[in-house]
All heavy atoms as atom14 arrays in JSON, in Angstrom:
{
  "sequence": "SRIMPVVADATALPFRDGTFVRVTSVSALEHVPDDTSAAREIGRVAQ",
  "atom14_mask": [
    [1, 1, 1, 1, 1, 1, 0, 0, 0, 0, 0, 0, 0, 0],
    [1, 1, 1, 1, 1, 1, 1, 1, 1, 1, 1, 0, 0, 0],
    [1, 1, 1, 1, 1, 1, 1, 1, 0, 0, 0, 0, 0, 0],
    [1, 1, 1, 1, 1, 1, 1, 1, 0, 0, 0, 0, 0, 0],
    [1, 1, 1, 1, 1, 1, 1, 0, 0, 0, 0, 0, 0, 0],
    [1, 1, 1, 1, 1, 1, 1, 0, 0, 0, 0, 0, 0, 0],
    [1, 1, 1, 1, 1, 1, 1, 0, 0, 0, 0, 0, 0, 0],
    [1, 1, 1, 1, 1, 0, 0, 0, 0, 0, 0, 0, 0, 0],
    [1, 1, 1, 1, 1, 1, 1, 1, 0, 0, 0, 0, 0, 0],
    [1, 1, 1, 1, 1, 0, 0, 0, 0, 0, 0, 0, 0, 0],
    [1, 1, 1, 1, 1, 1, 1, 0, 0, 0, 0, 0, 0, 0],
    [1, 1, 1, 1, 1, 0, 0, 0, 0, 0, 0, 0, 0, 0],
    [1, 1, 1, 1, 1, 1, 1, 1, 0, 0, 0, 0, 0, 0],
    [1, 1, 1, 1, 1, 1, 1, 0, 0, 0, 0, 0, 0, 0],
    [1, 1, 1, 1, 1, 1, 1, 1, 1, 1, 1, 0, 0, 0],
    [1, 1, 1, 1, 1, 1, 1, 1, 1, 1, 1, 0, 0, 0],
    [1, 1, 1, 1, 1, 1, 1, 1, 0, 0, 0, 0, 0, 0],
    [1, 1, 1, 1, 0, 0, 0, 0, 0, 0, 0, 0, 0, 0],
    [1, 1, 1, 1, 1, 1, 1, 0, 0, 0, 0, 0, 0, 0],
    [1, 1, 1, 1, 1, 1, 1, 1, 1, 1, 1, 0, 0, 0],
    [1, 1, 1, 1, 1, 1, 1, 0, 0, 0, 0, 0, 0, 0],
    [1, 1, 1, 1, 1, 1, 1, 1, 1, 1, 1, 0, 0, 0],
    [1, 1, 1, 1, 1, 1, 1, 0, 0, 0, 0, 0, 0, 0],
    [1, 1, 1, 1, 1, 1, 1, 0, 0, 0, 0, 0, 0, 0],
    [1, 1, 1, 1, 1, 1, 0, 0, 0, 0, 0, 0, 0, 0],
    [1, 1, 1, 1, 1, 1, 1, 0, 0, 0, 0, 0, 0, 0],
    [1, 1, 1, 1, 1, 1, 0, 0, 0, 0, 0, 0, 0, 0],
    [1, 1, 1, 1, 1, 0, 0, 0, 0, 0, 0, 0, 0, 0],
    [1, 1, 1, 1, 1, 1, 1, 1, 0, 0, 0, 0, 0, 0],
    [1, 1, 1, 1, 1, 1, 1, 1, 1, 0, 0, 0, 0, 0],
    [1, 1, 1, 1, 1, 1, 1, 1, 1, 1, 0, 0, 0, 0],
    [1, 1, 1, 1, 1, 1, 1, 0, 0, 0, 0, 0, 0, 0],
    [1, 1, 1, 1, 1, 1, 1, 0, 0, 0, 0, 0, 0, 0],
    [1, 1, 1, 1, 1, 1, 1, 1, 0, 0, 0, 0, 0, 0],
    [1, 1, 1, 1, 1, 1, 1, 1, 0, 0, 0, 0, 0, 0],
    [1, 1, 1, 1, 1, 1, 1, 0, 0, 0, 0, 0, 0, 0],
    [1, 1, 1, 1, 1, 1, 0, 0, 0, 0, 0, 0, 0, 0],
    [1, 1, 1, 1, 1, 0, 0, 0, 0, 0, 0, 0, 0, 0],
    [1, 1, 1, 1, 1, 0, 0, 0, 0, 0, 0, 0, 0, 0],
    [1, 1, 1, 1, 1, 1, 1, 1, 1, 1, 1, 0, 0, 0],
    [1, 1, 1, 1, 1, 1, 1, 1, 1, 0, 0, 0, 0, 0],
    [1, 1, 1, 1, 1, 1, 1, 1, 0, 0, 0, 0, 0, 0],
    [1, 1, 1, 1, 0, 0, 0, 0, 0, 0, 0, 0, 0, 0],
    [1, 1, 1, 1, 1, 1, 1, 1, 1, 1, 1, 0, 0, 0],
    [1, 1, 1, 1, 1, 1, 1, 0, 0, 0, 0, 0, 0, 0],
    [1, 1, 1, 1, 1, 0, 0, 0, 0, 0, 0, 0, 0, 0],
    [1, 1, 1, 1, 1, 1, 1, 1, 1, 0, 0, 0, 0, 0]
  ],
  "atom14_positions": [
    [[100.41, 121.32, 108.39], [100.39, 120.84, 109.81], [100.17, 119.36, 109.89], [100.32, 118.8, 111.03], [99.26, 121.57, 110.55], [98.0, 121.28, 110.0], [0.0, 0.0, 0.0], [0.0, 0.0, 0.0], [0.0, 0.0, 0.0], [0.0, 0.0, 0.0], [0.0, 0.0, 0.0], [0.0, 0.0, 0.0], [0.0, 0.0, 0.0], [0.0, 0.0, 0.0]],
    [[99.89, 118.69, 108.8], [99.77, 117.21, 108.83], [101.13, 116.59, 109.15], [101.21, 115.46, 109.55], [99.25, 116.7, 107.49], [97.8, 116.96, 107.25], [97.39, 116.43, 105.87], [95.99, 116.78, 105.58], [95.45, 116.6, 104.39], [96.19, 116.09, 103.4], [94.18, 116.93, 104.17], [0.0, 0.0, 0.0], [0.0, 0.0, 0.0], [0.0, 0.0, 0.0]],
    [[102.22, 117.31, 108.88], [103.56, 116.8, 109.2], [104.16, 117.65, 110.29], [104.25, 118.87, 110.2], [104.46, 116.86, 107.94], [103.92, 115.89, 106.84], [105.9, 116.48, 108.32], [104.76, 115.86, 105.59], [0.0, 0.0, 0.0], [0.0, 0.0, 0.0], [0.0, 0.0, 0.0], [0.0, 0.0, 0.0], [0.0, 0.0, 0.0], [0.0, 0.0, 0.0]],
    [[104.58, 116.99, 111.34], [105.25, 117.63, 112.44], [106.66, 117.07, 112.59], [106.82, 116.01, 113.2], [104.48, 117.45, 113.75], [105.12, 118.2, 114.95], [104.28, 117.84, 116.55], [102.64, 118.53, 116.22], [0.0, 0.0, 0.0], [0.0, 0.0, 0.0], [0.0, 0.0, 0.0], [0.0, 0.0, 0.0], [0.0, 0.0, 0.0], [0.0, 0.0, 0.0]],
    [[107.67, 117.72, 112.07], [109.06, 117.23, 112.18], [109.65, 117.59, 113.54], [109.44, 118.71, 114.02], [109.82, 117.96, 111.05], [108.74, 118.63, 110.21], [107.6, 118.89, 111.16], [0.0, 0.0, 0.0], [0.0, 0.0, 0.0], [0.0, 0.0, 0.0], [0.0, 0.0, 0.0], [0.0, 0.0, 0.0], [0.0, 0.0, 0.0], [0.0, 0.0, 0.0]],
    [[110.34, 116.61, 114.16], [110.88, 116.8, 115.5], [112.33, 116.31, 115.53], [112.64, 115.23, 115.01], [110.07, 115.99, 116.53], [110.68, 116.12, 117.92], [108.64, 116.47, 116.55], [0.0, 0.0, 0.0], [0.0, 0.0, 0.0], [0.0, 0.0, 0.0], [0.0, 0.0, 0.0], [0.0, 0.0, 0.0], [0.0, 0.0, 0.0], [0.0, 0.0, 0.0]],
    [[113.21, 117.15, 116.06], [114.59, 116.73, 116.3], [114.67, 115.89, 117.57], [114.36, 116.39, 118.66], [115.57, 117.94, 116.38], [117.0, 117.46, 116.66], [115.51, 118.79, 115.15], [0.0, 0.0, 0.0], [0.0, 0.0, 0.0], [0.0, 0.0, 0.0], [0.0, 0.0, 0.0], [0.0, 0.0, 0.0], [0.0, 0.0, 0.0], [0.0, 0.0, 0.0]],
    [[115.0, 114.64, 117.45], [115.08, 113.75, 118.6], [115.89, 112.51, 118.29], [116.04, 112.11, 117.13], [113.63, 113.37, 119.07], [0.0, 0.0, 0.0], [0.0, 0.0, 0.0], [0.0, 0.0, 0.0], [0.0, 0.0, 0.0], [0.0, 0.0, 0.0], [0.0, 0.0, 0.0], [0.0, 0.0, 0.0], [0.0, 0.0, 0.0], [0.0, 0.0, 0.0]],
    [[116.35, 111.88, 119.33], [117.09, 110.63, 119.25], [116.11, 109.48, 119.34], [115.21, 109.47, 120.2], [118.1, 110.57, 120.4], [119.09, 109.46, 120.29], [118.77, 108.4, 119.73], [120.24, 109.64, 120.75], [0.0, 0.0, 0.0], [0.0, 0.0, 0.0], [0.0, 0.0, 0.0], [0.0, 0.0, 0.0], [0.0, 0.0, 0.0], [0.0, 0.0, 0.0]],
    [[116.28, 108.48, 118.43], [115.37, 107.33, 118.45], [115.45, 106.6, 119.77], [114.54, 105.83, 120.11], [115.7, 106.42, 117.28], [0.0, 0.0, 0.0], [0.0, 0.0, 0.0], [0.0, 0.0, 0.0], [0.0, 0.0, 0.0], [0.0, 0.0, 0.0], [0.0, 0.0, 0.0], [0.0, 0.0, 0.0], [0.0, 0.0, 0.0], [0.0, 0.0, 0.0]],
    [[116.54, 106.74, 120.47], [116.73, 106.0, 121.75], [116.15, 106.79, 122.93], [116.21, 106.33, 124.08], [118.18, 105.66, 122.01], [118.95, 106.92, 122.18], [118.83, 104.95, 120.84], [0.0, 0.0, 0.0], [0.0, 0.0, 0.0], [0.0, 0.0, 0.0], [0.0, 0.0, 0.0], [0.0, 0.0, 0.0], [0.0, 0.0, 0.0], [0.0, 0.0, 0.0]],
    [[115.62, 107.98, 122.67], [114.99, 108.81, 123.74], [113.89, 109.67, 123.15], [114.01, 110.88, 123.07], [116.09, 109.7, 124.44], [0.0, 0.0, 0.0], [0.0, 0.0, 0.0], [0.0, 0.0, 0.0], [0.0, 0.0, 0.0], [0.0, 0.0, 0.0], [0.0, 0.0, 0.0], [0.0, 0.0, 0.0], [0.0, 0.0, 0.0], [0.0, 0.0, 0.0]],
    [[112.81, 109.02, 122.77], [111.73, 109.7, 122.09], [110.99, 110.64, 123.05], [110.67, 110.22, 124.17], [110.78, 108.71, 121.49], [111.36, 107.82, 120.41], [110.36, 106.7, 120.01], [111.73, 108.66, 119.15], [0.0, 0.0, 0.0], [0.0, 0.0, 0.0], [0.0, 0.0, 0.0], [0.0, 0.0, 0.0], [0.0, 0.0, 0.0], [0.0, 0.0, 0.0]],
    [[110.67, 111.88, 122.62], [110.04, 112.84, 123.51], [108.52, 112.73, 123.55], [107.78, 113.71, 123.41], [110.47, 114.18, 122.89], [110.53, 113.87, 121.39], [111.01, 112.43, 121.31], [0.0, 0.0, 0.0], [0.0, 0.0, 0.0], [0.0, 0.0, 0.0], [0.0, 0.0, 0.0], [0.0, 0.0, 0.0], [0.0, 0.0, 0.0], [0.0, 0.0, 0.0]],
    [[107.98, 111.53, 123.71], [106.55, 111.3, 123.76], [106.2, 110.43, 124.98], [107.01, 109.65, 125.48], [106.08, 110.58, 122.49], [106.57, 111.23, 121.24], [107.51, 110.63, 120.45], [106.09, 112.46, 120.83], [108.02, 111.23, 119.28], [106.49, 113.05, 119.69], [107.48, 112.44, 118.88], [0.0, 0.0, 0.0], [0.0, 0.0, 0.0], [0.0, 0.0, 0.0]],
    [[104.97, 110.62, 125.44], [104.52, 109.82, 126.61], [104.3, 108.34, 126.21], [104.1, 108.02, 125.07], [103.23, 110.44, 127.16], [103.42, 111.81, 127.72], [102.08, 112.32, 128.28], [102.22, 113.69, 128.78], [101.23, 114.41, 129.25], [99.98, 113.91, 129.24], [101.42, 115.64, 129.7], [0.0, 0.0, 0.0], [0.0, 0.0, 0.0], [0.0, 0.0, 0.0]],
    [[104.26, 107.5, 127.22], [103.96, 106.09, 127.04], [102.61, 105.93, 126.32], [101.63, 106.64, 126.66], [103.92, 105.35, 128.38], [105.24, 105.35, 129.1], [106.22, 105.97, 128.58], [105.33, 104.76, 130.18], [0.0, 0.0, 0.0], [0.0, 0.0, 0.0], [0.0, 0.0, 0.0], [0.0, 0.0, 0.0], [0.0, 0.0, 0.0], [0.0, 0.0, 0.0]],
    [[102.55, 104.99, 125.4], [101.29, 104.65, 124.76], [100.66, 105.73, 123.95], [99.45, 105.83, 123.85], [0.0, 0.0, 0.0], [0.0, 0.0, 0.0], [0.0, 0.0, 0.0], [0.0, 0.0, 0.0], [0.0, 0.0, 0.0], [0.0, 0.0, 0.0], [0.0, 0.0, 0.0], [0.0, 0.0, 0.0], [0.0, 0.0, 0.0], [0.0, 0.0, 0.0]],
    [[101.44, 106.57, 123.3], [100.92, 107.68, 122.51], [100.44, 107.21, 121.14], [99.43, 107.77, 120.66], [102.0, 108.77, 122.33], [102.41, 109.25, 123.59], [101.47, 109.91, 121.49], [0.0, 0.0, 0.0], [0.0, 0.0, 0.0], [0.0, 0.0, 0.0], [0.0, 0.0, 0.0], [0.0, 0.0, 0.0], [0.0, 0.0, 0.0], [0.0, 0.0, 0.0]],
    [[101.07, 106.27, 120.52], [100.82, 105.97, 119.11], [100.19, 104.6, 118.86], [100.51, 103.64, 119.6], [102.17, 106.06, 118.32], [102.78, 107.43, 118.33], [103.74, 107.7, 119.28], [102.34, 108.42, 117.49], [104.34, 109.03, 119.32], [102.92, 109.68, 117.5], [103.9, 109.97, 118.43], [0.0, 0.0, 0.0], [0.0, 0.0, 0.0], [0.0, 0.0, 0.0]],
    [[99.37, 104.54, 117.82], [98.76, 103.3, 117.37], [99.53, 102.74, 116.19], [99.5, 101.55, 115.91], [97.28, 103.52, 117.0], [96.68, 102.28, 116.35], [96.51, 103.91, 118.23], [0.0, 0.0, 0.0], [0.0, 0.0, 0.0], [0.0, 0.0, 0.0], [0.0, 0.0, 0.0], [0.0, 0.0, 0.0], [0.0, 0.0, 0.0], [0.0, 0.0, 0.0]],
    [[100.29, 103.61, 115.48], [101.08, 103.17, 114.33], [102.45, 103.84, 114.34], [102.58, 105.05, 114.54], [100.36, 103.54, 113.02], [99.1, 102.76, 112.79], [98.31, 103.31, 111.61], [97.08, 102.53, 111.41], [95.94, 102.79, 112.02], [95.89, 103.77, 112.91], [94.86, 102.07, 111.8], [0.0, 0.0, 0.0], [0.0, 0.0, 0.0], [0.0, 0.0, 0.0]],
    [[103.48, 102.99, 114.11], [104.86, 103.5, 114.1], [105.57, 102.8, 112.93], [105.33, 101.65, 112.64], [105.59, 103.09, 115.42], [107.03, 103.68, 115.38], [104.83, 103.6, 116.63], [0.0, 0.0, 0.0], [0.0, 0.0, 0.0], [0.0, 0.0, 0.0], [0.0, 0.0, 0.0], [0.0, 0.0, 0.0], [0.0, 0.0, 0.0], [0.0, 0.0, 0.0]],
    [[106.43, 103.56, 112.27], [107.22, 102.98, 111.21], [108.65, 103.54, 111.18], [108.9, 104.58, 111.73], [106.56, 103.24, 109.8], [107.19, 102.42, 108.83], [106.69, 104.69, 109.38], [0.0, 0.0, 0.0], [0.0, 0.0, 0.0], [0.0, 0.0, 0.0], [0.0, 0.0, 0.0], [0.0, 0.0, 0.0], [0.0, 0.0, 0.0], [0.0, 0.0, 0.0]],
    [[109.51, 102.79, 110.55], [110.9, 103.23, 110.3], [111.39, 102.48, 109.07], [111.42, 101.25, 109.04], [111.78, 102.92, 111.52], [113.13, 103.35, 111.25], [0.0, 0.0, 0.0], [0.0, 0.0, 0.0], [0.0, 0.0, 0.0], [0.0, 0.0, 0.0], [0.0, 0.0, 0.0], [0.0, 0.0, 0.0], [0.0, 0.0, 0.0], [0.0, 0.0, 0.0]],
    [[111.71, 103.26, 108.02], [112.09, 102.65, 106.75], [113.62, 102.79, 106.59], [114.13, 103.88, 106.42], [111.35, 103.29, 105.58], [111.82, 102.71, 104.25], [109.86, 103.12, 105.76], [0.0, 0.0, 0.0], [0.0, 0.0, 0.0], [0.0, 0.0, 0.0], [0.0, 0.0, 0.0], [0.0, 0.0, 0.0], [0.0, 0.0, 0.0], [0.0, 0.0, 0.0]],
    [[114.31, 101.62, 106.62], [115.76, 101.58, 106.37], [116.51, 102.65, 107.16], [117.33, 103.41, 106.59], [116.05, 101.77, 104.87], [115.68, 100.57, 104.16], [0.0, 0.0, 0.0], [0.0, 0.0, 0.0], [0.0, 0.0, 0.0], [0.0, 0.0, 0.0], [0.0, 0.0, 0.0], [0.0, 0.0, 0.0], [0.0, 0.0, 0.0], [0.0, 0.0, 0.0]],
    [[116.23, 102.7, 108.43], [116.91, 103.72, 109.29], [117.54, 103.08, 110.54], [118.65, 103.43, 110.89], [115.88, 104.77, 109.73], [0.0, 0.0, 0.0], [0.0, 0.0, 0.0], [0.0, 0.0, 0.0], [0.0, 0.0, 0.0], [0.0, 0.0, 0.0], [0.0, 0.0, 0.0], [0.0, 0.0, 0.0], [0.0, 0.0, 0.0], [0.0, 0.0, 0.0]],
    [[116.88, 102.1, 111.16], [117.33, 101.62, 112.45], [118.61, 100.77, 112.34], [119.33, 100.58, 113.33], [116.23, 100.85, 113.13], [115.01, 101.67, 113.53], [113.97, 100.8, 114.19], [115.4, 102.8, 114.45], [0.0, 0.0, 0.0], [0.0, 0.0, 0.0], [0.0, 0.0, 0.0], [0.0, 0.0, 0.0], [0.0, 0.0, 0.0], [0.0, 0.0, 0.0]],
    [[118.91, 100.28, 111.12], [120.19, 99.56, 110.97], [121.4, 100.45, 111.06], [122.53, 99.98, 111.15], [120.21, 98.72, 109.65], [120.25, 99.57, 108.41], [118.87, 99.7, 107.78], [117.91, 100.01, 108.47], [118.77, 99.39, 106.56], [0.0, 0.0, 0.0], [0.0, 0.0, 0.0], [0.0, 0.0, 0.0], [0.0, 0.0, 0.0], [0.0, 0.0, 0.0]],
    [[121.1, 101.77, 111.05], [122.22, 102.73, 111.15], [122.37, 103.29, 112.58], [123.27, 104.1, 112.84], [122.0, 103.9, 110.18], [121.72, 103.49, 108.78], [122.63, 102.7, 108.08], [120.68, 103.7, 107.95], [122.17, 102.48, 106.83], [120.96, 103.06, 106.77], [0.0, 0.0, 0.0], [0.0, 0.0, 0.0], [0.0, 0.0, 0.0], [0.0, 0.0, 0.0]],
    [[121.48, 102.89, 113.47], [121.5, 103.34, 114.84], [122.36, 102.39, 115.69], [122.04, 101.22, 115.8], [120.06, 103.4, 115.43], [120.11, 103.81, 116.92], [119.21, 104.38, 114.62], [0.0, 0.0, 0.0], [0.0, 0.0, 0.0], [0.0, 0.0, 0.0], [0.0, 0.0, 0.0], [0.0, 0.0, 0.0], [0.0, 0.0, 0.0], [0.0, 0.0, 0.0]],
    [[123.45, 102.89, 116.31], [124.29, 101.98, 117.08], [123.58, 101.24, 118.19], [123.76, 100.05, 118.35], [125.37, 102.94, 117.68], [125.41, 104.07, 116.66], [124.02, 104.26, 116.22], [0.0, 0.0, 0.0], [0.0, 0.0, 0.0], [0.0, 0.0, 0.0], [0.0, 0.0, 0.0], [0.0, 0.0, 0.0], [0.0, 0.0, 0.0], [0.0, 0.0, 0.0]],
    [[122.71, 101.91, 118.93], [122.0, 101.26, 120.01], [120.56, 100.94, 119.53], [119.59, 101.53, 120.0], [121.96, 102.18, 121.26], [121.47, 101.43, 122.5], [121.12, 100.22, 122.4], [121.47, 102.05, 123.57], [0.0, 0.0, 0.0], [0.0, 0.0, 0.0], [0.0, 0.0, 0.0], [0.0, 0.0, 0.0], [0.0, 0.0, 0.0], [0.0, 0.0, 0.0]],
    [[120.5, 100.0, 118.6], [119.19, 99.66, 118.0], [118.21, 99.08, 119.03], [116.99, 99.31, 118.91], [119.37, 98.71, 116.85], [120.25, 97.5, 117.19], [120.67, 97.37, 118.34], [120.53, 96.7, 116.29], [0.0, 0.0, 0.0], [0.0, 0.0, 0.0], [0.0, 0.0, 0.0], [0.0, 0.0, 0.0], [0.0, 0.0, 0.0], [0.0, 0.0, 0.0]],
    [[118.69, 98.35, 119.99], [117.81, 97.76, 121.0], [117.13, 98.81, 121.85], [115.94, 98.7, 122.16], [118.57, 96.76, 121.88], [119.17, 95.73, 121.06], [117.69, 96.07, 122.93], [0.0, 0.0, 0.0], [0.0, 0.0, 0.0], [0.0, 0.0, 0.0], [0.0, 0.0, 0.0], [0.0, 0.0, 0.0], [0.0, 0.0, 0.0], [0.0, 0.0, 0.0]],
    [[117.85, 99.87, 122.18], [117.22, 100.95, 122.94], [116.17, 101.65, 122.1], [115.13, 102.06, 122.6], [118.29, 101.97, 123.41], [119.12, 101.39, 124.39], [0.0, 0.0, 0.0], [0.0, 0.0, 0.0], [0.0, 0.0, 0.0], [0.0, 0.0, 0.0], [0.0, 0.0, 0.0], [0.0, 0.0, 0.0], [0.0, 0.0, 0.0], [0.0, 0.0, 0.0]],
    [[116.45, 101.77, 120.79], [115.45, 102.41, 119.9], [114.18, 101.52, 119.86], [113.09, 102.07, 119.94], [116.04, 102.55, 118.54], [0.0, 0.0, 0.0], [0.0, 0.0, 0.0], [0.0, 0.0, 0.0], [0.0, 0.0, 0.0], [0.0, 0.0, 0.0], [0.0, 0.0, 0.0], [0.0, 0.0, 0.0], [0.0, 0.0, 0.0], [0.0, 0.0, 0.0]],
    [[114.37, 100.21, 119.8], [113.19, 99.33, 119.78], [112.43, 99.43, 121.08], [111.19, 99.4, 121.11], [113.67, 97.91, 119.55], [0.0, 0.0, 0.0], [0.0, 0.0, 0.0], [0.0, 0.0, 0.0], [0.0, 0.0, 0.0], [0.0, 0.0, 0.0], [0.0, 0.0, 0.0], [0.0, 0.0, 0.0], [0.0, 0.0, 0.0], [0.0, 0.0, 0.0]],
    [[113.16, 99.54, 122.2], [112.48, 99.66, 123.5], [111.64, 100.97, 123.56], [110.55, 100.96, 124.09], [113.55, 99.64, 124.6], [112.98, 99.53, 126.02], [114.11, 99.39, 127.06], [114.83, 98.12, 126.83], [116.1, 98.03, 126.46], [116.81, 99.14, 126.21], [116.68, 96.85, 126.31], [0.0, 0.0, 0.0], [0.0, 0.0, 0.0], [0.0, 0.0, 0.0]],
    [[112.19, 102.05, 123.0], [111.46, 103.28, 122.97], [110.25, 103.24, 122.05], [109.2, 103.75, 122.4], [112.38, 104.41, 122.46], [113.29, 105.01, 123.58], [112.41, 105.77, 124.58], [112.14, 106.94, 124.36], [112.04, 105.15, 125.6], [0.0, 0.0, 0.0], [0.0, 0.0, 0.0], [0.0, 0.0, 0.0], [0.0, 0.0, 0.0], [0.0, 0.0, 0.0]],
    [[110.38, 102.52, 120.97], [109.24, 102.34, 120.06], [108.09, 101.64, 120.8], [106.93, 101.98, 120.73], [109.65, 101.58, 118.81], [110.53, 102.48, 117.92], [108.43, 101.07, 118.03], [111.12, 101.76, 116.72], [0.0, 0.0, 0.0], [0.0, 0.0, 0.0], [0.0, 0.0, 0.0], [0.0, 0.0, 0.0], [0.0, 0.0, 0.0], [0.0, 0.0, 0.0]],
    [[108.48, 100.54, 121.54], [107.5, 99.83, 122.31], [106.88, 100.68, 123.41], [105.68, 100.56, 123.7], [0.0, 0.0, 0.0], [0.0, 0.0, 0.0], [0.0, 0.0, 0.0], [0.0, 0.0, 0.0], [0.0, 0.0, 0.0], [0.0, 0.0, 0.0], [0.0, 0.0, 0.0], [0.0, 0.0, 0.0], [0.0, 0.0, 0.0], [0.0, 0.0, 0.0]],
    [[107.69, 101.53, 124.02], [107.18, 102.38, 125.1], [106.13, 103.38, 124.63], [105.09, 103.58, 125.28], [108.35, 103.14, 125.76], [107.93, 104.05, 126.93], [109.04, 104.89, 127.46], [109.55, 105.84, 126.48], [108.91, 107.02, 126.17], [107.78, 107.31, 126.8], [109.44, 107.86, 125.27], [0.0, 0.0, 0.0], [0.0, 0.0, 0.0], [0.0, 0.0, 0.0]],
    [[106.35, 103.98, 123.45], [105.44, 105.02, 123.0], [104.27, 104.44, 122.22], [103.32, 105.14, 121.89], [106.14, 106.08, 122.12], [107.26, 106.71, 122.89], [106.67, 105.47, 120.81], [0.0, 0.0, 0.0], [0.0, 0.0, 0.0], [0.0, 0.0, 0.0], [0.0, 0.0, 0.0], [0.0, 0.0, 0.0], [0.0, 0.0, 0.0], [0.0, 0.0, 0.0]],
    [[104.3, 103.11, 122.01], [103.18, 102.44, 121.3], [102.11, 101.99, 122.24], [102.39, 101.47, 123.34], [103.71, 101.25, 120.5], [0.0, 0.0, 0.0], [0.0, 0.0, 0.0], [0.0, 0.0, 0.0], [0.0, 0.0, 0.0], [0.0, 0.0, 0.0], [0.0, 0.0, 0.0], [0.0, 0.0, 0.0], [0.0, 0.0, 0.0], [0.0, 0.0, 0.0]],
    [[100.88, 102.16, 121.83], [99.72, 101.65, 122.69], [99.69, 100.12, 122.56], [100.25, 99.53, 121.64], [98.42, 102.24, 122.15], [98.31, 103.75, 122.33], [96.98, 104.26, 121.83], [96.02, 103.5, 121.62], [96.88, 105.57, 121.63], [0.0, 0.0, 0.0], [0.0, 0.0, 0.0], [0.0, 0.0, 0.0], [0.0, 0.0, 0.0], [0.0, 0.0, 0.0]]
  ]
}
C-alpha cells in the first residue's frame, strides 16, 4: 500500500490543490506534448 499507481494524464491530475509537499518526474515530461500544462498541474497540486 506504500505505492498507489493511478492512471491519469499529467496535464489533468486527479488531486486537489495543494495536496503534495514533494513531486518528482524522472525523464518523462520531455515526452509530454503539452509540457507547460503538465507543469501548471504540478504547481496546482503542490503546497
